[in-house]
Amino acid sequence: MRPVPVVDDRDTGPFWSAALNGSIAICVCNQCGEALHLPKAYCHHCGSWDINWRQVAGKGKLYSWTVVRLQVHPAFPVPYAIVVVDLDEAPGVRLLGYLDGDPHLTAGQPMQAYMENIADVTLPNWKPN
């Protein structure tokens, strides 16, 4: 069984609720418009407590990746790639993903989000587009 995140956290719960409904949402400041990632109850740019969650399209560019070849957890057989995706609609907001095997990847490659159900949790994941 793969480990799953806590989905009812005060700061990140809306991200997981959006994923359960099949979308990706990011935390944004209503005052200055900055994306707040990692999500917080207040804006670390302007200090406002007026924040909201905004749905994004789930498209991005591959920012970085690594291929794991030494198994560190029984739920993750090797090889596999951990990818870091920079969101198109919120540059600088980067989300992680997991790909089986040793895929051919290149920096800047277009990536598309999809939802993966693990136990009772829906996880956003990424695949080359």
N, C-alpha and C. Protein backbone atom coordinates (compact mmCIF):
# COMPACT_ATOMS: atom_id res chain seq x y z
N MET A 1 0.84 -1.19 0.00
CA MET A 1 0.00 0.00 0.00
C MET A 1 0.88 1.24 0.00
N ARG A 2 0.63 2.14 -0.95
CA ARG A 2 1.39 3.39 -0.99
C ARG A 2 0.95 4.32 0.14
N PRO A 3 1.89 5.05 0.70
CA PRO A 3 1.52 6.04 1.72
C PRO A 3 0.70 7.15 1.07
N VAL A 4 -0.20 7.73 1.86
CA VAL A 4 -1.05 8.81 1.35
C VAL A 4 -0.94 10.02 2.28
N PRO A 5 -1.20 11.20 1.75
CA PRO A 5 -1.09 12.41 2.56
C PRO A 5 -2.30 12.59 3.48
N VAL A 6 -2.14 13.45 4.46
CA VAL A 6 -3.27 13.89 5.29
C VAL A 6 -4.06 14.88 4.44
N VAL A 7 -5.33 14.64 4.27
CA VAL A 7 -6.11 15.47 3.34
C VAL A 7 -7.01 16.49 4.03
N ASP A 8 -7.05 16.49 5.36
CA ASP A 8 -7.92 17.43 6.06
C ASP A 8 -7.14 18.49 6.84
N ASP A 9 -5.92 18.75 6.40
CA ASP A 9 -5.10 19.79 7.00
C ASP A 9 -5.73 21.16 6.73
N ARG A 10 -5.65 22.06 7.69
CA ARG A 10 -6.27 23.39 7.56
C ARG A 10 -5.72 24.15 6.36
N ASP A 11 -4.42 24.10 6.14
CA ASP A 11 -3.81 24.89 5.06
C ASP A 11 -3.88 24.23 3.69
N THR A 12 -3.83 22.91 3.64
CA THR A 12 -3.78 22.23 2.34
C THR A 12 -5.05 21.45 2.00
N GLY A 13 -6.00 21.39 2.91
CA GLY A 13 -7.24 20.64 2.67
C GLY A 13 -7.95 21.00 1.38
N PRO A 14 -8.07 22.31 1.03
CA PRO A 14 -8.74 22.65 -0.22
C PRO A 14 -8.05 22.09 -1.47
N PHE A 15 -6.74 21.91 -1.43
CA PHE A 15 -6.02 21.29 -2.55
C PHE A 15 -6.52 19.86 -2.75
N TRP A 16 -6.64 19.12 -1.64
CA TRP A 16 -7.06 17.72 -1.71
C TRP A 16 -8.55 17.61 -2.05
N SER A 17 -9.36 18.55 -1.60
CA SER A 17 -10.79 18.56 -1.97
C SER A 17 -10.94 18.77 -3.46
N ALA A 18 -10.16 19.68 -4.03
CA ALA A 18 -10.20 19.91 -5.48
C ALA A 18 -9.79 18.65 -6.23
N ALA A 19 -8.74 17.98 -5.75
CA ALA A 19 -8.28 16.75 -6.40
C ALA A 19 -9.38 15.68 -6.37
N LEU A 20 -10.08 15.58 -5.25
CA LEU A 20 -11.18 14.62 -5.14
C LEU A 20 -12.24 14.89 -6.19
N ASN A 21 -12.41 16.15 -6.56
CA ASN A 21 -13.38 16.54 -7.60
C ASN A 21 -12.76 16.57 -9.00
N GLY A 22 -11.51 16.09 -9.13
CA GLY A 22 -10.89 15.97 -10.44
C GLY A 22 -10.17 17.19 -10.95
N SER A 23 -9.84 18.14 -10.08
CA SER A 23 -9.15 19.34 -10.55
C SER A 23 -7.98 19.68 -9.63
N ILE A 24 -7.17 20.61 -10.11
CA ILE A 24 -6.06 21.12 -9.32
C ILE A 24 -6.39 22.55 -8.95
N ALA A 25 -6.19 22.88 -7.68
CA ALA A 25 -6.44 24.24 -7.19
C ALA A 25 -5.19 24.73 -6.49
N ILE A 26 -4.94 26.03 -6.62
CA ILE A 26 -3.81 26.66 -5.92
C ILE A 26 -4.34 27.78 -5.04
N CYS A 27 -3.62 28.04 -3.99
CA CYS A 27 -3.96 29.09 -3.04
C CYS A 27 -3.43 30.42 -3.60
N VAL A 28 -4.28 31.45 -3.60
CA VAL A 28 -3.88 32.77 -4.09
C VAL A 28 -4.34 33.85 -3.12
N CYS A 29 -3.62 34.96 -3.14
CA CYS A 29 -3.97 36.11 -2.32
C CYS A 29 -4.95 36.98 -3.10
N ASN A 30 -6.08 37.32 -2.47
CA ASN A 30 -7.07 38.18 -3.12
C ASN A 30 -6.61 39.63 -3.20
N GLN A 31 -5.65 40.03 -2.37
CA GLN A 31 -5.19 41.41 -2.36
C GLN A 31 -4.13 41.69 -3.43
N CYS A 32 -3.09 40.87 -3.47
CA CYS A 32 -1.99 41.14 -4.41
C CYS A 32 -1.94 40.17 -5.59
N GLY A 33 -2.73 39.09 -5.54
CA GLY A 33 -2.79 38.15 -6.65
C GLY A 33 -1.69 37.11 -6.69
N GLU A 34 -0.78 37.13 -5.72
CA GLU A 34 0.32 36.16 -5.71
C GLU A 34 -0.17 34.75 -5.39
N ALA A 35 0.42 33.76 -6.07
CA ALA A 35 0.17 32.37 -5.74
C ALA A 35 0.91 32.06 -4.45
N LEU A 36 0.24 31.40 -3.53
CA LEU A 36 0.83 31.07 -2.23
C LEU A 36 1.15 29.58 -2.19
N HIS A 37 2.39 29.30 -2.47
CA HIS A 37 2.80 27.90 -2.47
C HIS A 37 4.14 27.81 -1.76
N LEU A 38 4.15 27.15 -0.73
CA LEU A 38 3.21 26.28 -0.06
C LEU A 38 2.06 27.11 0.53
N PRO A 39 0.82 26.53 0.52
CA PRO A 39 -0.35 27.28 0.97
C PRO A 39 -0.25 27.67 2.45
N LYS A 40 -0.72 28.88 2.74
CA LYS A 40 -0.77 29.38 4.12
C LYS A 40 -2.07 30.15 4.31
N ALA A 41 -2.40 30.42 5.54
CA ALA A 41 -3.62 31.16 5.86
C ALA A 41 -3.47 32.65 5.58
N TYR A 42 -2.25 33.11 5.33
CA TYR A 42 -1.99 34.53 5.04
C TYR A 42 -0.98 34.62 3.90
N CYS A 43 -0.94 35.77 3.26
CA CYS A 43 -0.02 35.99 2.15
C CYS A 43 1.36 36.37 2.67
N HIS A 44 2.36 35.62 2.30
CA HIS A 44 3.72 35.92 2.71
C HIS A 44 4.34 37.02 1.84
N HIS A 45 3.60 37.51 0.84
CA HIS A 45 4.08 38.62 0.00
C HIS A 45 3.61 39.96 0.55
N CYS A 46 2.30 40.10 0.80
CA CYS A 46 1.77 41.39 1.24
C CYS A 46 1.22 41.38 2.67
N GLY A 47 1.13 40.20 3.29
CA GLY A 47 0.65 40.11 4.67
C GLY A 47 -0.85 39.98 4.82
N SER A 48 -1.60 39.99 3.72
CA SER A 48 -3.06 39.90 3.78
C SER A 48 -3.50 38.51 4.26
N TRP A 49 -4.63 38.50 4.97
CA TRP A 49 -5.26 37.25 5.38
C TRP A 49 -6.41 36.90 4.43
N ASP A 50 -6.58 37.66 3.36
CA ASP A 50 -7.65 37.47 2.40
C ASP A 50 -7.16 36.55 1.28
N ILE A 51 -7.31 35.25 1.49
CA ILE A 51 -6.83 34.27 0.52
C ILE A 51 -8.00 33.46 -0.02
N ASN A 52 -7.75 32.79 -1.14
CA ASN A 52 -8.77 31.98 -1.77
C ASN A 52 -8.07 30.87 -2.56
N TRP A 53 -8.85 29.92 -3.03
CA TRP A 53 -8.33 28.84 -3.86
C TRP A 53 -8.88 29.00 -5.27
N ARG A 54 -8.02 28.83 -6.27
CA ARG A 54 -8.38 29.00 -7.66
C ARG A 54 -8.03 27.73 -8.43
N GLN A 55 -8.97 27.27 -9.23
CA GLN A 55 -8.74 26.10 -10.06
C GLN A 55 -7.83 26.48 -11.22
N VAL A 56 -6.88 25.58 -11.55
CA VAL A 56 -6.00 25.76 -12.70
C VAL A 56 -6.17 24.57 -13.64
N ALA A 57 -5.67 24.73 -14.85
CA ALA A 57 -5.93 23.75 -15.91
C ALA A 57 -5.20 22.41 -15.74
N GLY A 58 -4.17 22.35 -14.94
CA GLY A 58 -3.45 21.09 -14.79
C GLY A 58 -2.48 20.83 -15.92
N LYS A 59 -1.90 21.90 -16.44
CA LYS A 59 -0.86 21.78 -17.47
C LYS A 59 0.38 22.48 -16.96
N GLY A 60 1.53 21.94 -17.33
CA GLY A 60 2.77 22.54 -16.88
C GLY A 60 3.93 22.09 -17.73
N LYS A 61 5.10 22.50 -17.28
CA LYS A 61 6.35 22.13 -17.94
C LYS A 61 7.22 21.39 -16.93
N LEU A 62 7.92 20.38 -17.41
CA LEU A 62 8.82 19.63 -16.55
C LEU A 62 9.97 20.54 -16.11
N TYR A 63 10.07 20.75 -14.83
CA TYR A 63 11.11 21.61 -14.27
C TYR A 63 12.36 20.80 -13.92
N SER A 64 12.14 19.65 -13.29
CA SER A 64 13.25 18.80 -12.85
C SER A 64 12.72 17.39 -12.61
N TRP A 65 13.63 16.44 -12.50
CA TRP A 65 13.26 15.07 -12.19
C TRP A 65 14.47 14.31 -11.72
N THR A 66 14.20 13.18 -11.11
CA THR A 66 15.27 12.24 -10.76
C THR A 66 14.71 10.83 -10.91
N VAL A 67 15.55 9.91 -11.29
CA VAL A 67 15.16 8.50 -11.40
C VAL A 67 15.74 7.77 -10.20
N VAL A 68 14.86 7.12 -9.46
CA VAL A 68 15.26 6.36 -8.27
C VAL A 68 15.54 4.93 -8.69
N ARG A 69 16.74 4.45 -8.33
CA ARG A 69 17.14 3.10 -8.71
C ARG A 69 17.39 2.19 -7.50
N LEU A 70 17.38 2.77 -6.31
CA LEU A 70 17.56 1.99 -5.09
C LEU A 70 16.26 2.06 -4.31
N GLN A 71 15.62 0.91 -4.12
CA GLN A 71 14.32 0.89 -3.46
C GLN A 71 14.43 1.32 -2.00
N VAL A 72 13.61 2.30 -1.62
CA VAL A 72 13.62 2.81 -0.25
C VAL A 72 12.32 2.53 0.48
N HIS A 73 11.29 2.07 -0.25
CA HIS A 73 10.00 1.75 0.36
C HIS A 73 9.37 0.63 -0.46
N PRO A 74 8.79 -0.37 0.20
CA PRO A 74 8.24 -1.50 -0.55
C PRO A 74 7.10 -1.14 -1.50
N ALA A 75 6.44 -0.02 -1.29
CA ALA A 75 5.33 0.38 -2.17
C ALA A 75 5.81 0.98 -3.48
N PHE A 76 7.11 1.24 -3.59
CA PHE A 76 7.64 1.90 -4.78
C PHE A 76 8.75 1.06 -5.40
N PRO A 77 8.38 0.09 -6.27
CA PRO A 77 9.41 -0.71 -6.92
C PRO A 77 10.23 0.16 -7.89
N VAL A 78 11.51 -0.14 -7.97
CA VAL A 78 12.40 0.64 -8.83
C VAL A 78 12.46 0.03 -10.23
N PRO A 79 12.82 0.79 -11.22
CA PRO A 79 13.07 2.22 -11.17
C PRO A 79 11.76 3.02 -11.26
N TYR A 80 11.80 4.26 -10.77
CA TYR A 80 10.70 5.19 -10.94
C TYR A 80 11.26 6.61 -10.95
N ALA A 81 10.49 7.51 -11.52
CA ALA A 81 10.94 8.90 -11.61
C ALA A 81 10.04 9.77 -10.74
N ILE A 82 10.66 10.68 -10.02
CA ILE A 82 9.96 11.75 -9.31
C ILE A 82 10.12 12.99 -10.19
N VAL A 83 8.99 13.61 -10.56
CA VAL A 83 9.03 14.77 -11.43
C VAL A 83 8.57 16.01 -10.67
N VAL A 84 9.14 17.14 -11.03
CA VAL A 84 8.74 18.44 -10.50
C VAL A 84 8.21 19.24 -11.69
N VAL A 85 6.94 19.64 -11.61
CA VAL A 85 6.26 20.32 -12.71
C VAL A 85 5.94 21.76 -12.32
N ASP A 86 6.34 22.68 -13.18
CA ASP A 86 6.06 24.11 -13.01
C ASP A 86 4.73 24.40 -13.71
N LEU A 87 3.73 24.88 -12.96
CA LEU A 87 2.40 25.10 -13.53
C LEU A 87 2.40 26.23 -14.56
N ASP A 88 1.74 26.02 -15.68
CA ASP A 88 1.66 27.04 -16.73
C ASP A 88 0.93 28.29 -16.23
N GLU A 89 -0.15 28.10 -15.48
CA GLU A 89 -0.97 29.23 -15.03
C GLU A 89 -0.43 29.91 -13.77
N ALA A 90 0.59 29.34 -13.19
CA ALA A 90 1.17 29.92 -11.96
C ALA A 90 2.66 29.62 -11.93
N PRO A 91 3.44 30.29 -12.79
CA PRO A 91 4.88 30.02 -12.81
C PRO A 91 5.48 30.18 -11.40
N GLY A 92 6.33 29.25 -11.06
CA GLY A 92 6.93 29.24 -9.74
C GLY A 92 6.21 28.32 -8.77
N VAL A 93 4.98 27.95 -9.09
CA VAL A 93 4.26 26.94 -8.29
C VAL A 93 4.61 25.60 -8.90
N ARG A 94 5.27 24.77 -8.12
CA ARG A 94 5.76 23.49 -8.62
C ARG A 94 5.16 22.35 -7.81
N LEU A 95 4.64 21.38 -8.54
CA LEU A 95 4.01 20.21 -7.93
C LEU A 95 4.79 18.97 -8.30
N LEU A 96 4.74 17.97 -7.43
CA LEU A 96 5.46 16.72 -7.63
C LEU A 96 4.59 15.66 -8.27
N GLY A 97 5.24 14.72 -8.93
CA GLY A 97 4.55 13.58 -9.50
C GLY A 97 5.45 12.36 -9.50
N TYR A 98 4.88 11.22 -9.87
CA TYR A 98 5.54 9.92 -9.84
C TYR A 98 5.27 9.22 -11.16
N LEU A 99 6.33 8.75 -11.81
CA LEU A 99 6.19 7.98 -13.05
C LEU A 99 6.89 6.64 -12.89
N ASP A 100 6.24 5.58 -13.29
CA ASP A 100 6.86 4.26 -13.27
C ASP A 100 8.00 4.19 -14.28
N GLY A 101 8.99 3.39 -13.95
CA GLY A 101 10.07 3.12 -14.89
C GLY A 101 11.09 4.24 -14.98
N ASP A 102 11.78 4.24 -16.10
CA ASP A 102 12.83 5.23 -16.39
C ASP A 102 12.47 5.93 -17.70
N PRO A 103 11.44 6.80 -17.66
CA PRO A 103 10.97 7.42 -18.89
C PRO A 103 11.97 8.41 -19.46
N HIS A 104 11.91 8.62 -20.77
CA HIS A 104 12.73 9.63 -21.42
C HIS A 104 12.09 10.98 -21.13
N LEU A 105 12.79 11.84 -20.40
CA LEU A 105 12.27 13.15 -20.02
C LEU A 105 13.25 14.23 -20.41
N THR A 106 12.72 15.42 -20.72
CA THR A 106 13.57 16.56 -21.04
C THR A 106 13.04 17.80 -20.33
N ALA A 107 13.94 18.65 -19.90
CA ALA A 107 13.55 19.90 -19.23
C ALA A 107 12.65 20.72 -20.14
N GLY A 108 11.58 21.26 -19.59
CA GLY A 108 10.65 22.06 -20.35
C GLY A 108 9.58 21.27 -21.07
N GLN A 109 9.65 19.96 -20.98
CA GLN A 109 8.69 19.09 -21.66
C GLN A 109 7.27 19.37 -21.13
N PRO A 110 6.26 19.48 -22.01
CA PRO A 110 4.89 19.68 -21.55
C PRO A 110 4.40 18.49 -20.73
N MET A 111 3.70 18.79 -19.65
CA MET A 111 3.17 17.76 -18.76
C MET A 111 1.68 18.02 -18.54
N GLN A 112 0.94 16.95 -18.32
CA GLN A 112 -0.51 17.03 -18.11
C GLN A 112 -0.84 16.32 -16.80
N ALA A 113 -1.67 16.95 -15.98
CA ALA A 113 -2.11 16.34 -14.73
C ALA A 113 -3.19 15.30 -15.00
N TYR A 114 -3.23 14.30 -14.16
CA TYR A 114 -4.34 13.35 -14.13
C TYR A 114 -4.52 12.93 -12.68
N MET A 115 -5.66 12.38 -12.35
CA MET A 115 -5.95 12.00 -10.97
C MET A 115 -5.79 10.50 -10.80
N GLU A 116 -5.20 10.14 -9.67
CA GLU A 116 -4.93 8.75 -9.34
C GLU A 116 -5.55 8.46 -7.98
N ASN A 117 -6.36 7.42 -7.89
CA ASN A 117 -7.00 7.06 -6.63
C ASN A 117 -6.16 6.02 -5.90
N ILE A 118 -5.74 6.37 -4.69
CA ILE A 118 -4.97 5.48 -3.83
C ILE A 118 -5.72 5.40 -2.50
N ALA A 119 -6.16 4.20 -2.14
CA ALA A 119 -6.97 4.03 -0.93
C ALA A 119 -8.18 4.97 -1.03
N ASP A 120 -8.37 5.84 -0.06
CA ASP A 120 -9.50 6.78 -0.09
C ASP A 120 -9.08 8.19 -0.49
N VAL A 121 -7.91 8.32 -1.09
CA VAL A 121 -7.37 9.64 -1.43
C VAL A 121 -7.19 9.74 -2.95
N THR A 122 -7.48 10.92 -3.47
CA THR A 122 -7.23 11.19 -4.89
C THR A 122 -5.98 12.05 -4.98
N LEU A 123 -4.97 11.53 -5.68
CA LEU A 123 -3.70 12.23 -5.82
C LEU A 123 -3.54 12.79 -7.22
N PRO A 124 -3.25 14.08 -7.35
CA PRO A 124 -2.87 14.58 -8.67
C PRO A 124 -1.51 13.99 -9.04
N ASN A 125 -1.37 13.58 -10.27
CA ASN A 125 -0.11 13.07 -10.76
C ASN A 125 0.13 13.67 -12.14
N TRP A 126 1.27 13.42 -12.72
CA TRP A 126 1.66 14.05 -13.98
C TRP A 126 2.13 13.01 -14.97
N LYS A 127 1.91 13.30 -16.25
CA LYS A 127 2.42 12.46 -17.33
C LYS A 127 2.86 13.39 -18.46
N PRO A 128 3.83 12.94 -19.25
CA PRO A 128 4.21 13.74 -20.42
C PRO A 128 3.02 13.93 -21.35
N ASN A 129 2.94 15.12 -21.90
CA ASN A 129 1.81 15.44 -22.77
C ASN A 129 2.23 15.37 -24.23
